[in-house]
Amino acid sequence: VLMHLATNSRDAMSRGGKLVIRTDIAVLRKHAGEIPAGSYAVV
C-alpha cells in the first residue's frame, strides 16, 4: 500500500515537491461517512 501510494505521489510531482507520511490516533464518536465510530490508527 505504501509503495503504490508513494509511487503515485512521485508521478504527480514531476518537478519535485514534498511527500509526507504521517500517523495519528483518531477516536470517532459517531459515523464519519462510511467509517463507523471507534478508535483507529490513521496513516
All heavy atoms as atom14 arrays in JSON, in Angstrom:
{
  "sequence": "VLMHLATNSRDAMSRGGKLVIRTDIAVLRKHAGEIPAGSYAVV",
  "atom14_mask": [
    [1, 1, 1, 1, 1, 1, 1, 0, 0, 0, 0, 0, 0, 0],
    [1, 1, 1, 1, 1, 1, 1, 1, 0, 0, 0, 0, 0, 0],
    [1, 1, 1, 1, 1, 1, 1, 1, 0, 0, 0, 0, 0, 0],
    [1, 1, 1, 1, 1, 1, 1, 1, 1, 1, 0, 0, 0, 0],
    [1, 1, 1, 1, 1, 1, 1, 1, 0, 0, 0, 0, 0, 0],
    [1, 1, 1, 1, 1, 0, 0, 0, 0, 0, 0, 0, 0, 0],
    [1, 1, 1, 1, 1, 1, 1, 0, 0, 0, 0, 0, 0, 0],
    [1, 1, 1, 1, 1, 1, 1, 1, 0, 0, 0, 0, 0, 0],
    [1, 1, 1, 1, 1, 1, 0, 0, 0, 0, 0, 0, 0, 0],
    [1, 1, 1, 1, 1, 1, 1, 1, 1, 1, 1, 0, 0, 0],
    [1, 1, 1, 1, 1, 1, 1, 1, 0, 0, 0, 0, 0, 0],
    [1, 1, 1, 1, 1, 0, 0, 0, 0, 0, 0, 0, 0, 0],
    [1, 1, 1, 1, 1, 1, 1, 1, 0, 0, 0, 0, 0, 0],
    [1, 1, 1, 1, 1, 1, 0, 0, 0, 0, 0, 0, 0, 0],
    [1, 1, 1, 1, 1, 1, 1, 1, 1, 1, 1, 0, 0, 0],
    [1, 1, 1, 1, 0, 0, 0, 0, 0, 0, 0, 0, 0, 0],
    [1, 1, 1, 1, 0, 0, 0, 0, 0, 0, 0, 0, 0, 0],
    [1, 1, 1, 1, 1, 1, 1, 1, 1, 0, 0, 0, 0, 0],
    [1, 1, 1, 1, 1, 1, 1, 1, 0, 0, 0, 0, 0, 0],
    [1, 1, 1, 1, 1, 1, 1, 0, 0, 0, 0, 0, 0, 0],
    [1, 1, 1, 1, 1, 1, 1, 1, 0, 0, 0, 0, 0, 0],
    [1, 1, 1, 1, 1, 1, 1, 1, 1, 1, 1, 0, 0, 0],
    [1, 1, 1, 1, 1, 1, 1, 0, 0, 0, 0, 0, 0, 0],
    [1, 1, 1, 1, 1, 1, 1, 1, 0, 0, 0, 0, 0, 0],
    [1, 1, 1, 1, 1, 1, 1, 1, 0, 0, 0, 0, 0, 0],
    [1, 1, 1, 1, 1, 0, 0, 0, 0, 0, 0, 0, 0, 0],
    [1, 1, 1, 1, 1, 1, 1, 0, 0, 0, 0, 0, 0, 0],
    [1, 1, 1, 1, 1, 1, 1, 1, 0, 0, 0, 0, 0, 0],
    [1, 1, 1, 1, 1, 1, 1, 1, 1, 1, 1, 0, 0, 0],
    [1, 1, 1, 1, 1, 1, 1, 1, 1, 0, 0, 0, 0, 0],
    [1, 1, 1, 1, 1, 1, 1, 1, 1, 1, 0, 0, 0, 0],
    [1, 1, 1, 1, 1, 0, 0, 0, 0, 0, 0, 0, 0, 0],
    [1, 1, 1, 1, 0, 0, 0, 0, 0, 0, 0, 0, 0, 0],
    [1, 1, 1, 1, 1, 1, 1, 1, 1, 0, 0, 0, 0, 0],
    [1, 1, 1, 1, 1, 1, 1, 1, 0, 0, 0, 0, 0, 0],
    [1, 1, 1, 1, 1, 1, 1, 0, 0, 0, 0, 0, 0, 0],
    [1, 1, 1, 1, 1, 0, 0, 0, 0, 0, 0, 0, 0, 0],
    [1, 1, 1, 1, 0, 0, 0, 0, 0, 0, 0, 0, 0, 0],
    [1, 1, 1, 1, 1, 1, 0, 0, 0, 0, 0, 0, 0, 0],
    [1, 1, 1, 1, 1, 1, 1, 1, 1, 1, 1, 1, 0, 0],
    [1, 1, 1, 1, 1, 0, 0, 0, 0, 0, 0, 0, 0, 0],
    [1, 1, 1, 1, 1, 1, 1, 0, 0, 0, 0, 0, 0, 0],
    [1, 1, 1, 1, 1, 1, 1, 0, 0, 0, 0, 0, 0, 0]
  ],
  "atom14_positions": [
    [[0.84, -1.2, 0.0], [0.0, 0.0, 0.0], [0.87, 1.25, 0.0], [0.66, 2.18, -0.79], [-0.94, -0.01, 1.23], [-1.57, 1.37, 1.44], [-2.03, -1.05, 1.04], [0.0, 0.0, 0.0], [0.0, 0.0, 0.0], [0.0, 0.0, 0.0], [0.0, 0.0, 0.0], [0.0, 0.0, 0.0], [0.0, 0.0, 0.0], [0.0, 0.0, 0.0]],
    [[1.86, 1.29, 0.89], [2.76, 2.44, 0.98], [3.5, 2.66, -0.34], [3.65, 3.79, -0.81], [3.77, 2.24, 2.11], [3.2, 2.18, 3.54], [4.29, 1.76, 4.52], [2.61, 3.53, 3.94], [0.0, 0.0, 0.0], [0.0, 0.0, 0.0], [0.0, 0.0, 0.0], [0.0, 0.0, 0.0], [0.0, 0.0, 0.0], [0.0, 0.0, 0.0]],
    [[3.95, 1.56, -0.96], [4.7, 1.66, -2.21], [3.84, 2.23, -3.33], [4.27, 3.14, -4.05], [5.24, 0.29, -2.61], [6.14, 0.32, -3.84], [6.75, -1.31, -4.27], [5.24, -2.09, -4.84], [0.0, 0.0, 0.0], [0.0, 0.0, 0.0], [0.0, 0.0, 0.0], [0.0, 0.0, 0.0], [0.0, 0.0, 0.0], [0.0, 0.0, 0.0]],
    [[2.62, 1.73, -3.47], [1.73, 2.21, -4.53], [1.39, 3.7, -4.33], [1.41, 4.48, -5.29], [0.44, 1.4, -4.58], [0.59, 0.07, -5.27], [0.96, -0.05, -6.59], [0.39, -1.19, -4.82], [1.0, -1.32, -6.93], [0.67, -2.04, -5.87], [0.0, 0.0, 0.0], [0.0, 0.0, 0.0], [0.0, 0.0, 0.0], [0.0, 0.0, 0.0]],
    [[1.09, 4.09, -3.1], [0.71, 5.48, -2.85], [1.9, 6.41, -3.02], [1.77, 7.51, -3.57], [0.1, 5.61, -1.45], [-1.27, 4.94, -1.26], [-1.73, 5.07, 0.18], [-2.31, 5.55, -2.2], [0.0, 0.0, 0.0], [0.0, 0.0, 0.0], [0.0, 0.0, 0.0], [0.0, 0.0, 0.0], [0.0, 0.0, 0.0], [0.0, 0.0, 0.0]],
    [[3.08, 5.98, -2.57], [4.28, 6.81, -2.74], [4.64, 6.96, -4.22], [5.04, 8.04, -4.67], [5.46, 6.2, -1.97], [0.0, 0.0, 0.0], [0.0, 0.0, 0.0], [0.0, 0.0, 0.0], [0.0, 0.0, 0.0], [0.0, 0.0, 0.0], [0.0, 0.0, 0.0], [0.0, 0.0, 0.0], [0.0, 0.0, 0.0], [0.0, 0.0, 0.0]],
    [[4.48, 5.88, -4.99], [4.76, 5.94, -6.43], [3.81, 6.9, -7.13], [4.2, 7.68, -7.99], [4.64, 4.53, -7.06], [5.57, 3.65, -6.42], [4.96, 4.57, -8.54], [0.0, 0.0, 0.0], [0.0, 0.0, 0.0], [0.0, 0.0, 0.0], [0.0, 0.0, 0.0], [0.0, 0.0, 0.0], [0.0, 0.0, 0.0], [0.0, 0.0, 0.0]],
    [[2.53, 6.84, -6.74], [1.55, 7.77, -7.31], [1.93, 9.21, -7.01], [1.84, 10.09, -7.88], [0.16, 7.46, -6.73], [-0.7, 6.72, -7.73], [-0.22, 5.87, -8.46], [-1.97, 7.03, -7.76], [0.0, 0.0, 0.0], [0.0, 0.0, 0.0], [0.0, 0.0, 0.0], [0.0, 0.0, 0.0], [0.0, 0.0, 0.0], [0.0, 0.0, 0.0]],
    [[2.34, 9.45, -5.76], [2.75, 10.81, -5.38], [3.95, 11.26, -6.18], [4.01, 12.4, -6.67], [3.06, 10.86, -3.88], [1.89, 10.73, -3.11], [0.0, 0.0, 0.0], [0.0, 0.0, 0.0], [0.0, 0.0, 0.0], [0.0, 0.0, 0.0], [0.0, 0.0, 0.0], [0.0, 0.0, 0.0], [0.0, 0.0, 0.0], [0.0, 0.0, 0.0]],
    [[4.92, 10.38, -6.34], [6.11, 10.71, -7.13], [5.72, 11.11, -8.55], [6.21, 12.11, -9.08], [7.05, 9.51, -7.17], [8.31, 9.71, -8.0], [8.93, 8.39, -8.4], [8.05, 7.62, -9.28], [8.24, 6.35, -9.58], [9.25, 5.68, -9.04], [7.4, 5.73, -10.41], [0.0, 0.0, 0.0], [0.0, 0.0, 0.0], [0.0, 0.0, 0.0]],
    [[4.84, 10.33, -9.17], [4.44, 10.61, -10.55], [3.67, 11.92, -10.67], [3.64, 12.52, -11.75], [3.6, 9.45, -11.1], [4.4, 8.16, -11.23], [5.65, 8.23, -11.2], [3.78, 7.09, -11.38], [0.0, 0.0, 0.0], [0.0, 0.0, 0.0], [0.0, 0.0, 0.0], [0.0, 0.0, 0.0], [0.0, 0.0, 0.0], [0.0, 0.0, 0.0]],
    [[3.04, 12.35, -9.57], [2.29, 13.61, -9.59], [3.18, 14.81, -9.34], [2.72, 15.95, -9.4], [1.17, 13.57, -8.55], [0.0, 0.0, 0.0], [0.0, 0.0, 0.0], [0.0, 0.0, 0.0], [0.0, 0.0, 0.0], [0.0, 0.0, 0.0], [0.0, 0.0, 0.0], [0.0, 0.0, 0.0], [0.0, 0.0, 0.0], [0.0, 0.0, 0.0]],
    [[4.47, 14.56, -9.04], [5.41, 15.66, -8.74], [6.61, 15.58, -9.69], [7.75, 15.4, -9.27], [5.86, 15.58, -7.27], [4.74, 15.8, -6.28], [5.29, 15.88, -4.55], [5.64, 14.13, -4.23], [0.0, 0.0, 0.0], [0.0, 0.0, 0.0], [0.0, 0.0, 0.0], [0.0, 0.0, 0.0], [0.0, 0.0, 0.0], [0.0, 0.0, 0.0]],
    [[6.35, 15.75, -10.97], [7.41, 15.61, -11.98], [8.49, 16.69, -11.82], [9.63, 16.5, -12.25], [6.81, 15.68, -13.38], [6.08, 16.89, -13.55], [0.0, 0.0, 0.0], [0.0, 0.0, 0.0], [0.0, 0.0, 0.0], [0.0, 0.0, 0.0], [0.0, 0.0, 0.0], [0.0, 0.0, 0.0], [0.0, 0.0, 0.0], [0.0, 0.0, 0.0]],
    [[8.15, 17.8, -11.19], [9.13, 18.88, -10.98], [9.59, 18.96, -9.53], [10.1, 19.99, -9.08], [8.52, 20.22, -11.4], [8.16, 20.27, -12.89], [7.59, 21.61, -13.27], [7.25, 21.68, -14.69], [6.71, 22.73, -15.27], [6.42, 23.81, -14.55], [6.42, 22.7, -16.56], [0.0, 0.0, 0.0], [0.0, 0.0, 0.0], [0.0, 0.0, 0.0]],
    [[9.42, 17.88, -8.8], [9.8, 17.88, -7.4], [8.67, 18.33, -6.5], [7.62, 18.78, -6.96], [0.0, 0.0, 0.0], [0.0, 0.0, 0.0], [0.0, 0.0, 0.0], [0.0, 0.0, 0.0], [0.0, 0.0, 0.0], [0.0, 0.0, 0.0], [0.0, 0.0, 0.0], [0.0, 0.0, 0.0], [0.0, 0.0, 0.0], [0.0, 0.0, 0.0]],
    [[8.88, 18.2, -5.21], [7.85, 18.59, -4.25], [8.09, 17.95, -2.91], [9.23, 17.57, -2.59], [0.0, 0.0, 0.0], [0.0, 0.0, 0.0], [0.0, 0.0, 0.0], [0.0, 0.0, 0.0], [0.0, 0.0, 0.0], [0.0, 0.0, 0.0], [0.0, 0.0, 0.0], [0.0, 0.0, 0.0], [0.0, 0.0, 0.0], [0.0, 0.0, 0.0]],
    [[7.04, 17.81, -2.11], [7.15, 17.23, -0.77], [6.19, 16.07, -0.61], [5.04, 16.13, -1.02], [6.84, 18.3, 0.29], [7.85, 19.44, 0.35], [7.5, 20.42, 1.45], [8.52, 21.55, 1.52], [8.2, 22.52, 2.61], [0.0, 0.0, 0.0], [0.0, 0.0, 0.0], [0.0, 0.0, 0.0], [0.0, 0.0, 0.0], [0.0, 0.0, 0.0]],
    [[6.7, 15.01, 0.0], [5.89, 13.84, 0.33], [6.02, 13.58, 1.82], [7.13, 13.52, 2.35], [6.37, 12.62, -0.46], [5.75, 11.26, -0.1], [4.26, 11.25, -0.41], [6.44, 10.13, -0.84], [0.0, 0.0, 0.0], [0.0, 0.0, 0.0], [0.0, 0.0, 0.0], [0.0, 0.0, 0.0], [0.0, 0.0, 0.0], [0.0, 0.0, 0.0]],
    [[4.9, 13.46, 2.5], [4.9, 13.25, 3.95], [4.03, 12.04, 4.29], [2.91, 11.91, 3.79], [4.36, 14.49, 4.71], [4.34, 14.22, 6.21], [5.19, 15.72, 4.4], [0.0, 0.0, 0.0], [0.0, 0.0, 0.0], [0.0, 0.0, 0.0], [0.0, 0.0, 0.0], [0.0, 0.0, 0.0], [0.0, 0.0, 0.0], [0.0, 0.0, 0.0]],
    [[4.56, 11.15, 5.13], [3.75, 10.07, 5.69], [3.58, 10.35, 7.17], [4.56, 10.47, 7.9], [4.4, 8.69, 5.47], [4.55, 8.4, 3.97], [3.54, 7.6, 6.14], [5.2, 7.06, 3.67], [0.0, 0.0, 0.0], [0.0, 0.0, 0.0], [0.0, 0.0, 0.0], [0.0, 0.0, 0.0], [0.0, 0.0, 0.0], [0.0, 0.0, 0.0]],
    [[2.33, 10.48, 7.6], [2.04, 10.87, 8.98], [1.14, 9.81, 9.63], [0.3, 9.22, 8.96], [1.32, 12.23, 9.0], [1.14, 12.83, 10.4], [0.49, 14.19, 10.36], [-0.93, 14.12, 10.05], [-1.48, 14.57, 8.92], [-0.73, 15.11, 7.97], [-2.77, 14.47, 8.72], [0.0, 0.0, 0.0], [0.0, 0.0, 0.0], [0.0, 0.0, 0.0]],
    [[1.35, 9.56, 10.91], [0.46, 8.66, 11.64], [-0.16, 9.39, 12.83], [0.45, 10.29, 13.41], [1.21, 7.41, 12.15], [2.27, 7.81, 13.04], [1.78, 6.6, 11.0], [0.0, 0.0, 0.0], [0.0, 0.0, 0.0], [0.0, 0.0, 0.0], [0.0, 0.0, 0.0], [0.0, 0.0, 0.0], [0.0, 0.0, 0.0], [0.0, 0.0, 0.0]],
    [[-1.38, 9.0, 13.16], [-2.12, 9.6, 14.28], [-3.05, 8.55, 14.87], [-3.27, 7.48, 14.29], [-2.99, 10.79, 13.8], [-2.2, 11.87, 13.11], [-1.53, 12.64, 13.81], [-2.26, 11.95, 11.86], [0.0, 0.0, 0.0], [0.0, 0.0, 0.0], [0.0, 0.0, 0.0], [0.0, 0.0, 0.0], [0.0, 0.0, 0.0], [0.0, 0.0, 0.0]],
    [[-3.64, 8.91, 16.0], [-4.74, 8.15, 16.57], [-6.01, 8.97, 16.39], [-6.0, 10.19, 16.64], [-4.52, 7.85, 18.06], [-3.36, 6.87, 18.25], [-5.79, 7.27, 18.69], [-3.01, 6.61, 19.7], [0.0, 0.0, 0.0], [0.0, 0.0, 0.0], [0.0, 0.0, 0.0], [0.0, 0.0, 0.0], [0.0, 0.0, 0.0], [0.0, 0.0, 0.0]],
    [[-7.07, 8.35, 15.92], [-8.35, 9.05, 15.78], [-9.43, 8.28, 16.53], [-9.54, 7.06, 16.38], [-8.73, 9.18, 14.31], [0.0, 0.0, 0.0], [0.0, 0.0, 0.0], [0.0, 0.0, 0.0], [0.0, 0.0, 0.0], [0.0, 0.0, 0.0], [0.0, 0.0, 0.0], [0.0, 0.0, 0.0], [0.0, 0.0, 0.0], [0.0, 0.0, 0.0]],
    [[-10.17, 8.98, 17.36], [-11.31, 8.38, 18.06], [-12.57, 9.05, 17.53], [-12.8, 10.24, 17.76], [-11.19, 8.57, 19.59], [-12.41, 7.95, 20.29], [-9.9, 7.94, 20.11], [0.0, 0.0, 0.0], [0.0, 0.0, 0.0], [0.0, 0.0, 0.0], [0.0, 0.0, 0.0], [0.0, 0.0, 0.0], [0.0, 0.0, 0.0], [0.0, 0.0, 0.0]],
    [[-13.36, 8.3, 16.77], [-14.6, 8.84, 16.18], [-15.78, 8.53, 17.1], [-16.03, 7.36, 17.42], [-14.83, 8.23, 14.8], [-13.7, 8.41, 13.77], [-14.1, 7.8, 12.43], [-13.34, 9.87, 13.6], [0.0, 0.0, 0.0], [0.0, 0.0, 0.0], [0.0, 0.0, 0.0], [0.0, 0.0, 0.0], [0.0, 0.0, 0.0], [0.0, 0.0, 0.0]],
    [[-16.45, 9.56, 17.53], [-17.61, 9.38, 18.42], [-18.86, 8.97, 17.66], [-19.8, 8.42, 18.23], [-17.89, 10.69, 19.18], [-16.7, 11.21, 19.99], [-16.32, 10.25, 21.09], [-15.18, 10.75, 21.88], [-14.54, 10.03, 22.77], [-14.89, 8.78, 23.0], [-13.51, 10.54, 23.43], [0.0, 0.0, 0.0], [0.0, 0.0, 0.0], [0.0, 0.0, 0.0]],
    [[-18.88, 9.25, 16.35], [-20.02, 8.87, 15.52], [-19.52, 8.58, 14.1], [-18.36, 8.83, 13.78], [-21.06, 9.98, 15.5], [-20.53, 11.32, 15.0], [-21.62, 12.38, 15.06], [-21.1, 13.73, 14.54], [-22.15, 14.77, 14.56], [0.0, 0.0, 0.0], [0.0, 0.0, 0.0], [0.0, 0.0, 0.0], [0.0, 0.0, 0.0], [0.0, 0.0, 0.0]],
    [[-20.4, 8.05, 13.27], [-20.03, 7.74, 11.9], [-19.45, 8.96, 11.2], [-19.96, 10.08, 11.36], [-21.27, 7.27, 11.12], [-21.37, 5.77, 11.04], [-21.66, 5.0, 12.15], [-21.22, 4.91, 9.99], [-21.7, 3.72, 11.77], [-21.42, 3.64, 10.48], [0.0, 0.0, 0.0], [0.0, 0.0, 0.0], [0.0, 0.0, 0.0], [0.0, 0.0, 0.0]],
    [[-18.38, 8.76, 10.42], [-17.83, 9.82, 9.57], [-17.84, 9.27, 8.15], [-16.96, 8.51, 7.75], [-16.41, 10.18, 10.0], [0.0, 0.0, 0.0], [0.0, 0.0, 0.0], [0.0, 0.0, 0.0], [0.0, 0.0, 0.0], [0.0, 0.0, 0.0], [0.0, 0.0, 0.0], [0.0, 0.0, 0.0], [0.0, 0.0, 0.0], [0.0, 0.0, 0.0]],
    [[-18.9, 9.59, 7.4], [-19.07, 8.99, 6.09], [-19.34, 7.5, 6.26], [-20.24, 7.09, 7.0], [0.0, 0.0, 0.0], [0.0, 0.0, 0.0], [0.0, 0.0, 0.0], [0.0, 0.0, 0.0], [0.0, 0.0, 0.0], [0.0, 0.0, 0.0], [0.0, 0.0, 0.0], [0.0, 0.0, 0.0], [0.0, 0.0, 0.0], [0.0, 0.0, 0.0]],
    [[-18.51, 6.66, 5.62], [-18.69, 5.21, 5.73], [-17.93, 4.63, 6.93], [-18.02, 3.43, 7.2], [-18.21, 4.51, 4.44], [-16.73, 4.62, 4.19], [-16.24, 3.67, 3.1], [-16.97, 2.73, 2.72], [-15.09, 3.87, 2.65], [0.0, 0.0, 0.0], [0.0, 0.0, 0.0], [0.0, 0.0, 0.0], [0.0, 0.0, 0.0], [0.0, 0.0, 0.0]],
    [[-17.18, 5.47, 7.65], [-16.34, 4.97, 8.73], [-17.13, 4.96, 10.04], [-17.57, 6.01, 10.51], [-15.08, 5.85, 8.89], [-14.36, 6.0, 7.54], [-14.14, 5.25, 9.93], [-13.23, 7.0, 7.56], [0.0, 0.0, 0.0], [0.0, 0.0, 0.0], [0.0, 0.0, 0.0], [0.0, 0.0, 0.0], [0.0, 0.0, 0.0], [0.0, 0.0, 0.0]],
    [[-17.32, 3.77, 10.65], [-18.08, 3.7, 11.9], [-17.34, 4.35, 13.07], [-16.12, 4.56, 13.01], [-18.22, 2.18, 12.14], [-17.84, 1.53, 10.86], [-16.88, 2.46, 10.18], [0.0, 0.0, 0.0], [0.0, 0.0, 0.0], [0.0, 0.0, 0.0], [0.0, 0.0, 0.0], [0.0, 0.0, 0.0], [0.0, 0.0, 0.0], [0.0, 0.0, 0.0]],
    [[-18.09, 4.64, 14.12], [-17.47, 5.16, 15.34], [-16.48, 4.14, 15.88], [-16.67, 2.93, 15.73], [-18.55, 5.47, 16.38], [0.0, 0.0, 0.0], [0.0, 0.0, 0.0], [0.0, 0.0, 0.0], [0.0, 0.0, 0.0], [0.0, 0.0, 0.0], [0.0, 0.0, 0.0], [0.0, 0.0, 0.0], [0.0, 0.0, 0.0], [0.0, 0.0, 0.0]],
    [[-15.4, 4.63, 16.49], [-14.41, 3.71, 17.04], [-13.05, 4.37, 17.12], [-12.88, 5.55, 16.8], [0.0, 0.0, 0.0], [0.0, 0.0, 0.0], [0.0, 0.0, 0.0], [0.0, 0.0, 0.0], [0.0, 0.0, 0.0], [0.0, 0.0, 0.0], [0.0, 0.0, 0.0], [0.0, 0.0, 0.0], [0.0, 0.0, 0.0], [0.0, 0.0, 0.0]],
    [[-12.06, 3.59, 17.56], [-10.69, 4.08, 17.69], [-9.85, 3.52, 16.54], [-9.88, 2.31, 16.27], [-10.11, 3.62, 19.03], [-8.8, 4.08, 19.19], [0.0, 0.0, 0.0], [0.0, 0.0, 0.0], [0.0, 0.0, 0.0], [0.0, 0.0, 0.0], [0.0, 0.0, 0.0], [0.0, 0.0, 0.0], [0.0, 0.0, 0.0], [0.0, 0.0, 0.0]],
    [[-9.1, 4.39, 15.87], [-8.36, 4.0, 14.66], [-6.91, 4.49, 14.69], [-6.62, 5.57, 15.21], [-9.02, 4.58, 13.41], [-10.41, 4.06, 13.14], [-11.52, 4.72, 13.66], [-10.6, 2.92, 12.36], [-12.81, 4.24, 13.41], [-11.88, 2.44, 12.12], [-12.98, 3.1, 12.64], [-14.24, 2.63, 12.4], [0.0, 0.0, 0.0], [0.0, 0.0, 0.0]],
    [[-6.04, 3.65, 14.11], [-4.71, 4.13, 13.74], [-4.86, 4.73, 12.35], [-5.43, 4.1, 11.45], [-3.72, 2.98, 13.71], [0.0, 0.0, 0.0], [0.0, 0.0, 0.0], [0.0, 0.0, 0.0], [0.0, 0.0, 0.0], [0.0, 0.0, 0.0], [0.0, 0.0, 0.0], [0.0, 0.0, 0.0], [0.0, 0.0, 0.0], [0.0, 0.0, 0.0]],
    [[-4.37, 5.95, 12.18], [-4.56, 6.67, 10.92], [-3.21, 6.9, 10.25], [-2.27, 7.38, 10.88], [-5.26, 8.03, 11.17], [-5.49, 8.76, 9.86], [-6.58, 7.82, 11.91], [0.0, 0.0, 0.0], [0.0, 0.0, 0.0], [0.0, 0.0, 0.0], [0.0, 0.0, 0.0], [0.0, 0.0, 0.0], [0.0, 0.0, 0.0], [0.0, 0.0, 0.0]],
    [[-3.13, 6.52, 8.99], [-1.93, 6.75, 8.19], [-2.31, 7.66, 7.03], [-3.2, 7.34, 6.25], [-1.35, 5.42, 7.64], [-0.07, 5.7, 6.84], [-1.09, 4.44, 8.76], [0.0, 0.0, 0.0], [0.0, 0.0, 0.0], [0.0, 0.0, 0.0], [0.0, 0.0, 0.0], [0.0, 0.0, 0.0], [0.0, 0.0, 0.0], [0.0, 0.0, 0.0]]
  ]
}
